Amino acid sequence: MTQHPLVNTVQPLLTALGATLVAADEMTKSDVPLVWEGKVVAAVRLPAMHGAMQRLIESVERELGAKLALLSRAEKQRAIRLLDERGAFILRRAVEDVADAMGVSRITVYNYLNALHR
């Protein structure tokens, strides 16, 4: 598929989301069309919810430049804020998964969340 300028522009976002690009003629109803001057040039296939928490953790690790477990206390608090802003904690077992990734207890994650919402 020839890379359209719109595709080149949104590619970093697709990569960050874990989404894939599909050709316009391979688009399904659940895909998001990329429209340029009234014409569908490609489509975005969003990732399945399975693995969403891991993708969120990985995106925060990329943004902060280290694995969650290696971050300082202040950086871990920032990571919790970023994950919270991105909706991570609406996912089932999110607190447990984040605590495991950070190498802290669930209580610590809850304390960080409570401090955010005061």
N, C-alpha and C. Protein backbone atom coordinates (compact mmCIF):
# COMPACT_ATOMS: atom_id res chain seq x y z
N MET A 1 0.85 -1.17 0.00
CA MET A 1 0.00 0.00 0.00
C MET A 1 0.90 1.23 0.00
N THR A 2 0.63 2.15 -0.91
CA THR A 2 1.38 3.40 -0.97
C THR A 2 1.02 4.24 0.25
N GLN A 3 2.01 4.82 0.88
CA GLN A 3 1.77 5.61 2.08
C GLN A 3 1.23 6.99 1.70
N HIS A 4 0.02 7.25 2.09
CA HIS A 4 -0.61 8.55 1.91
C HIS A 4 -0.07 9.49 2.99
N PRO A 5 0.01 10.79 2.75
CA PRO A 5 0.51 11.73 3.77
C PRO A 5 -0.27 11.64 5.09
N LEU A 6 -1.56 11.40 5.01
CA LEU A 6 -2.36 11.26 6.23
C LEU A 6 -1.90 10.05 7.04
N VAL A 7 -1.61 8.96 6.35
CA VAL A 7 -1.14 7.74 7.01
C VAL A 7 0.20 8.00 7.70
N ASN A 8 1.09 8.68 7.01
CA ASN A 8 2.39 9.01 7.60
C ASN A 8 2.23 9.87 8.85
N THR A 9 1.27 10.76 8.84
CA THR A 9 1.04 11.66 9.96
C THR A 9 0.51 10.91 11.18
N VAL A 10 -0.42 9.98 10.97
CA VAL A 10 -1.05 9.30 12.11
C VAL A 10 -0.30 8.04 12.55
N GLN A 11 0.71 7.61 11.82
CA GLN A 11 1.41 6.37 12.14
C GLN A 11 1.97 6.32 13.57
N PRO A 12 2.58 7.38 14.09
CA PRO A 12 3.05 7.31 15.49
C PRO A 12 1.91 7.09 16.48
N LEU A 13 0.76 7.67 16.22
CA LEU A 13 -0.40 7.46 17.09
C LEU A 13 -0.88 6.02 17.01
N LEU A 14 -0.94 5.47 15.81
CA LEU A 14 -1.35 4.08 15.64
C LEU A 14 -0.41 3.14 16.39
N THR A 15 0.87 3.40 16.29
CA THR A 15 1.86 2.58 16.97
C THR A 15 1.67 2.66 18.48
N ALA A 16 1.46 3.87 19.00
CA ALA A 16 1.27 4.05 20.44
C ALA A 16 0.02 3.35 20.94
N LEU A 17 -1.01 3.31 20.12
CA LEU A 17 -2.27 2.68 20.51
C LEU A 17 -2.27 1.17 20.31
N GLY A 18 -1.30 0.67 19.56
CA GLY A 18 -1.30 -0.75 19.23
C GLY A 18 -2.30 -1.06 18.12
N ALA A 19 -2.71 -0.03 17.40
CA ALA A 19 -3.65 -0.20 16.30
C ALA A 19 -2.89 -0.56 15.02
N THR A 20 -3.63 -1.09 14.06
CA THR A 20 -3.02 -1.43 12.78
C THR A 20 -3.72 -0.68 11.65
N LEU A 21 -2.98 -0.49 10.59
CA LEU A 21 -3.49 0.18 9.41
C LEU A 21 -3.95 -0.87 8.42
N VAL A 22 -5.12 -0.66 7.82
CA VAL A 22 -5.61 -1.57 6.79
C VAL A 22 -5.95 -0.76 5.54
N ALA A 23 -5.84 -1.40 4.41
CA ALA A 23 -6.19 -0.75 3.14
C ALA A 23 -7.69 -0.45 3.12
N ALA A 24 -8.05 0.60 2.42
CA ALA A 24 -9.45 1.01 2.35
C ALA A 24 -10.34 -0.12 1.85
N ASP A 25 -9.86 -0.93 0.92
CA ASP A 25 -10.68 -2.00 0.37
C ASP A 25 -10.75 -3.23 1.28
N GLU A 26 -9.99 -3.22 2.37
CA GLU A 26 -10.01 -4.32 3.35
C GLU A 26 -10.73 -3.92 4.64
N MET A 27 -11.30 -2.73 4.64
CA MET A 27 -11.94 -2.17 5.82
C MET A 27 -13.19 -2.96 6.21
N THR A 28 -13.39 -3.14 7.52
CA THR A 28 -14.62 -3.76 8.04
C THR A 28 -15.43 -2.68 8.76
N LYS A 29 -16.63 -3.04 9.18
CA LYS A 29 -17.51 -2.07 9.84
C LYS A 29 -16.92 -1.52 11.13
N SER A 30 -16.11 -2.31 11.81
CA SER A 30 -15.55 -1.85 13.09
C SER A 30 -14.28 -1.01 12.93
N ASP A 31 -13.75 -0.91 11.72
CA ASP A 31 -12.56 -0.10 11.48
C ASP A 31 -12.93 1.38 11.39
N VAL A 32 -11.96 2.23 11.69
CA VAL A 32 -12.16 3.68 11.63
C VAL A 32 -11.56 4.19 10.33
N PRO A 33 -12.40 4.75 9.44
CA PRO A 33 -11.87 5.22 8.15
C PRO A 33 -11.01 6.47 8.31
N LEU A 34 -9.94 6.54 7.53
CA LEU A 34 -9.12 7.74 7.43
C LEU A 34 -9.52 8.42 6.11
N VAL A 35 -10.15 9.57 6.23
CA VAL A 35 -10.71 10.25 5.07
C VAL A 35 -9.88 11.49 4.74
N TRP A 36 -9.52 11.60 3.47
CA TRP A 36 -8.75 12.74 2.97
C TRP A 36 -9.48 13.31 1.77
N GLU A 37 -9.89 14.57 1.87
CA GLU A 37 -10.60 15.24 0.79
C GLU A 37 -11.78 14.40 0.29
N GLY A 38 -12.54 13.85 1.24
CA GLY A 38 -13.74 13.11 0.91
C GLY A 38 -13.54 11.67 0.48
N LYS A 39 -12.30 11.20 0.43
CA LYS A 39 -12.01 9.84 -0.02
C LYS A 39 -11.35 9.05 1.11
N VAL A 40 -11.81 7.80 1.31
CA VAL A 40 -11.20 6.93 2.31
C VAL A 40 -9.88 6.44 1.74
N VAL A 41 -8.78 6.79 2.43
CA VAL A 41 -7.45 6.41 1.94
C VAL A 41 -6.90 5.19 2.66
N ALA A 42 -7.44 4.89 3.82
CA ALA A 42 -7.03 3.73 4.61
C ALA A 42 -7.99 3.66 5.80
N ALA A 43 -7.76 2.68 6.67
CA ALA A 43 -8.57 2.56 7.87
C ALA A 43 -7.70 2.11 9.03
N VAL A 44 -8.18 2.40 10.22
CA VAL A 44 -7.48 2.02 11.44
C VAL A 44 -8.26 0.90 12.10
N ARG A 45 -7.56 -0.18 12.39
CA ARG A 45 -8.15 -1.30 13.13
C ARG A 45 -7.64 -1.22 14.56
N LEU A 46 -8.54 -0.91 15.47
CA LEU A 46 -8.16 -0.76 16.87
C LEU A 46 -7.84 -2.11 17.48
N PRO A 47 -6.96 -2.13 18.47
CA PRO A 47 -6.58 -3.40 19.10
C PRO A 47 -7.71 -3.93 19.97
N ALA A 48 -7.70 -5.23 20.20
CA ALA A 48 -8.68 -5.85 21.08
C ALA A 48 -8.43 -5.39 22.51
N MET A 49 -9.44 -5.46 23.34
CA MET A 49 -9.29 -5.08 24.74
C MET A 49 -8.31 -6.00 25.47
N HIS A 50 -8.25 -7.25 25.03
CA HIS A 50 -7.31 -8.18 25.65
C HIS A 50 -5.90 -7.61 25.50
N GLY A 51 -5.21 -7.44 26.59
CA GLY A 51 -3.87 -6.88 26.54
C GLY A 51 -3.82 -5.38 26.69
N ALA A 52 -4.98 -4.74 26.89
CA ALA A 52 -5.02 -3.28 26.98
C ALA A 52 -4.19 -2.76 28.15
N MET A 53 -4.27 -3.43 29.29
CA MET A 53 -3.52 -2.96 30.46
C MET A 53 -2.02 -3.00 30.19
N GLN A 54 -1.56 -4.07 29.58
CA GLN A 54 -0.13 -4.17 29.27
C GLN A 54 0.30 -3.08 28.30
N ARG A 55 -0.55 -2.77 27.31
CA ARG A 55 -0.22 -1.70 26.37
C ARG A 55 -0.16 -0.35 27.08
N LEU A 56 -1.08 -0.11 28.02
CA LEU A 56 -1.06 1.13 28.78
C LEU A 56 0.21 1.24 29.62
N ILE A 57 0.56 0.16 30.29
CA ILE A 57 1.79 0.16 31.10
C ILE A 57 3.00 0.42 30.21
N GLU A 58 3.08 -0.25 29.08
CA GLU A 58 4.21 -0.07 28.17
C GLU A 58 4.29 1.36 27.65
N SER A 59 3.14 1.98 27.38
CA SER A 59 3.17 3.36 26.88
C SER A 59 3.68 4.32 27.95
N VAL A 60 3.30 4.09 29.21
CA VAL A 60 3.79 4.94 30.30
C VAL A 60 5.28 4.69 30.52
N GLU A 61 5.71 3.45 30.43
CA GLU A 61 7.14 3.15 30.55
C GLU A 61 7.95 3.84 29.45
N ARG A 62 7.44 3.83 28.23
CA ARG A 62 8.13 4.53 27.14
C ARG A 62 8.19 6.03 27.43
N GLU A 63 7.08 6.57 27.90
CA GLU A 63 7.03 8.01 28.17
C GLU A 63 7.98 8.41 29.29
N LEU A 64 8.07 7.58 30.33
CA LEU A 64 8.92 7.91 31.47
C LEU A 64 10.34 7.40 31.31
N GLY A 65 10.59 6.56 30.32
CA GLY A 65 11.94 6.12 30.01
C GLY A 65 12.48 4.97 30.83
N ALA A 66 11.61 4.25 31.53
CA ALA A 66 12.08 3.11 32.32
C ALA A 66 10.90 2.22 32.70
N LYS A 67 11.22 0.98 33.05
CA LYS A 67 10.20 0.07 33.57
C LYS A 67 9.63 0.65 34.86
N LEU A 68 8.35 0.39 35.12
CA LEU A 68 7.71 0.95 36.31
C LEU A 68 8.45 0.57 37.59
N ALA A 69 8.94 -0.64 37.66
CA ALA A 69 9.62 -1.10 38.87
C ALA A 69 10.92 -0.33 39.15
N LEU A 70 11.50 0.28 38.14
CA LEU A 70 12.77 0.98 38.29
C LEU A 70 12.60 2.47 38.59
N LEU A 71 11.37 2.94 38.60
CA LEU A 71 11.12 4.36 38.82
C LEU A 71 11.26 4.74 40.29
N SER A 72 11.58 6.00 40.52
CA SER A 72 11.60 6.53 41.89
C SER A 72 10.16 6.65 42.39
N ARG A 73 10.01 6.92 43.67
CA ARG A 73 8.67 7.06 44.25
C ARG A 73 7.88 8.16 43.54
N ALA A 74 8.51 9.30 43.31
CA ALA A 74 7.84 10.42 42.63
C ALA A 74 7.45 10.04 41.20
N GLU A 75 8.33 9.32 40.52
CA GLU A 75 8.02 8.89 39.15
C GLU A 75 6.91 7.85 39.14
N LYS A 76 6.87 6.98 40.14
CA LYS A 76 5.77 6.00 40.23
C LYS A 76 4.45 6.72 40.44
N GLN A 77 4.46 7.77 41.25
CA GLN A 77 3.25 8.56 41.45
C GLN A 77 2.82 9.22 40.14
N ARG A 78 3.78 9.69 39.39
CA ARG A 78 3.47 10.28 38.07
C ARG A 78 2.91 9.20 37.14
N ALA A 79 3.48 8.01 37.18
CA ALA A 79 2.99 6.91 36.36
C ALA A 79 1.54 6.57 36.71
N ILE A 80 1.23 6.56 37.99
CA ILE A 80 -0.15 6.30 38.42
C ILE A 80 -1.08 7.39 37.87
N ARG A 81 -0.63 8.64 37.94
CA ARG A 81 -1.45 9.73 37.39
C ARG A 81 -1.69 9.55 35.90
N LEU A 82 -0.64 9.21 35.16
CA LEU A 82 -0.78 9.00 33.72
C LEU A 82 -1.73 7.84 33.41
N LEU A 83 -1.56 6.74 34.14
CA LEU A 83 -2.44 5.59 33.93
C LEU A 83 -3.89 5.93 34.27
N ASP A 84 -4.07 6.68 35.34
CA ASP A 84 -5.42 7.10 35.74
C ASP A 84 -6.04 8.00 34.68
N GLU A 85 -5.28 8.95 34.17
CA GLU A 85 -5.77 9.85 33.12
C GLU A 85 -6.17 9.09 31.87
N ARG A 86 -5.50 7.97 31.61
CA ARG A 86 -5.77 7.17 30.41
C ARG A 86 -6.84 6.10 30.63
N GLY A 87 -7.44 6.11 31.83
CA GLY A 87 -8.53 5.20 32.11
C GLY A 87 -8.15 3.79 32.48
N ALA A 88 -6.90 3.58 32.83
CA ALA A 88 -6.42 2.23 33.11
C ALA A 88 -7.15 1.57 34.27
N PHE A 89 -7.56 2.36 35.26
CA PHE A 89 -8.09 1.77 36.47
C PHE A 89 -9.57 1.39 36.38
N ILE A 90 -10.14 1.54 35.19
CA ILE A 90 -11.49 1.00 35.00
C ILE A 90 -11.43 -0.47 34.58
N LEU A 91 -10.24 -0.92 34.22
CA LEU A 91 -10.07 -2.31 33.80
C LEU A 91 -9.99 -3.23 35.00
N ARG A 92 -10.54 -4.42 34.83
CA ARG A 92 -10.52 -5.43 35.89
C ARG A 92 -9.08 -5.79 36.24
N ARG A 93 -8.79 -5.90 37.51
CA ARG A 93 -7.48 -6.28 38.05
C ARG A 93 -6.40 -5.23 37.77
N ALA A 94 -6.78 -4.01 37.42
CA ALA A 94 -5.80 -2.99 37.08
C ALA A 94 -4.86 -2.67 38.24
N VAL A 95 -5.41 -2.50 39.42
CA VAL A 95 -4.56 -2.15 40.57
C VAL A 95 -3.54 -3.26 40.82
N GLU A 96 -3.99 -4.51 40.76
CA GLU A 96 -3.08 -5.63 40.97
C GLU A 96 -2.01 -5.68 39.90
N ASP A 97 -2.40 -5.49 38.64
CA ASP A 97 -1.43 -5.54 37.53
C ASP A 97 -0.40 -4.42 37.64
N VAL A 98 -0.86 -3.22 37.99
CA VAL A 98 0.06 -2.09 38.13
C VAL A 98 0.99 -2.31 39.33
N ALA A 99 0.43 -2.79 40.43
CA ALA A 99 1.25 -3.07 41.61
C ALA A 99 2.34 -4.09 41.27
N ASP A 100 1.98 -5.15 40.56
CA ASP A 100 2.97 -6.15 40.14
C ASP A 100 4.05 -5.52 39.27
N ALA A 101 3.63 -4.69 38.30
CA ALA A 101 4.60 -4.07 37.39
C ALA A 101 5.53 -3.10 38.13
N MET A 102 5.01 -2.47 39.17
CA MET A 102 5.81 -1.51 39.93
C MET A 102 6.65 -2.16 41.03
N GLY A 103 6.28 -3.37 41.40
CA GLY A 103 6.96 -4.02 42.50
C GLY A 103 6.56 -3.44 43.85
N VAL A 104 5.30 -3.00 43.94
CA VAL A 104 4.78 -2.44 45.19
C VAL A 104 3.50 -3.20 45.56
N SER A 105 2.95 -2.88 46.72
CA SER A 105 1.71 -3.53 47.14
C SER A 105 0.50 -2.83 46.51
N ARG A 106 -0.62 -3.52 46.53
CA ARG A 106 -1.87 -2.91 46.06
C ARG A 106 -2.20 -1.68 46.90
N ILE A 107 -1.92 -1.77 48.20
CA ILE A 107 -2.20 -0.65 49.10
C ILE A 107 -1.45 0.60 48.66
N THR A 108 -0.21 0.42 48.23
CA THR A 108 0.58 1.56 47.74
C THR A 108 -0.09 2.19 46.53
N VAL A 109 -0.53 1.37 45.59
CA VAL A 109 -1.21 1.91 44.40
C VAL A 109 -2.48 2.65 44.82
N TYR A 110 -3.26 2.05 45.72
CA TYR A 110 -4.47 2.72 46.22
C TYR A 110 -4.12 4.04 46.91
N ASN A 111 -3.04 4.08 47.67
CA ASN A 111 -2.62 5.32 48.32
C ASN A 111 -2.26 6.38 47.29
N TYR A 112 -1.54 6.01 46.26
CA TYR A 112 -1.20 6.96 45.19
C TYR A 112 -2.47 7.47 44.51
N LEU A 113 -3.41 6.59 44.25
CA LEU A 113 -4.68 7.00 43.62
C LEU A 113 -5.47 7.92 44.54
N ASN A 114 -5.52 7.58 45.82
CA ASN A 114 -6.25 8.42 46.77
C ASN A 114 -5.63 9.82 46.86
N ALA A 115 -4.32 9.89 46.81
CA ALA A 115 -3.64 11.20 46.86
C ALA A 115 -3.99 12.03 45.62
N LEU A 116 -4.18 11.38 44.49
CA LEU A 116 -4.57 12.10 43.25
C LEU A 116 -5.96 12.69 43.34
N HIS A 117 -6.84 11.98 44.00
CA HIS A 117 -8.27 12.35 43.98
C HIS A 117 -8.70 13.14 45.20
N ARG A 118 -7.76 13.60 46.02
CA ARG A 118 -8.12 14.43 47.18
C ARG A 118 -8.44 15.83 46.77
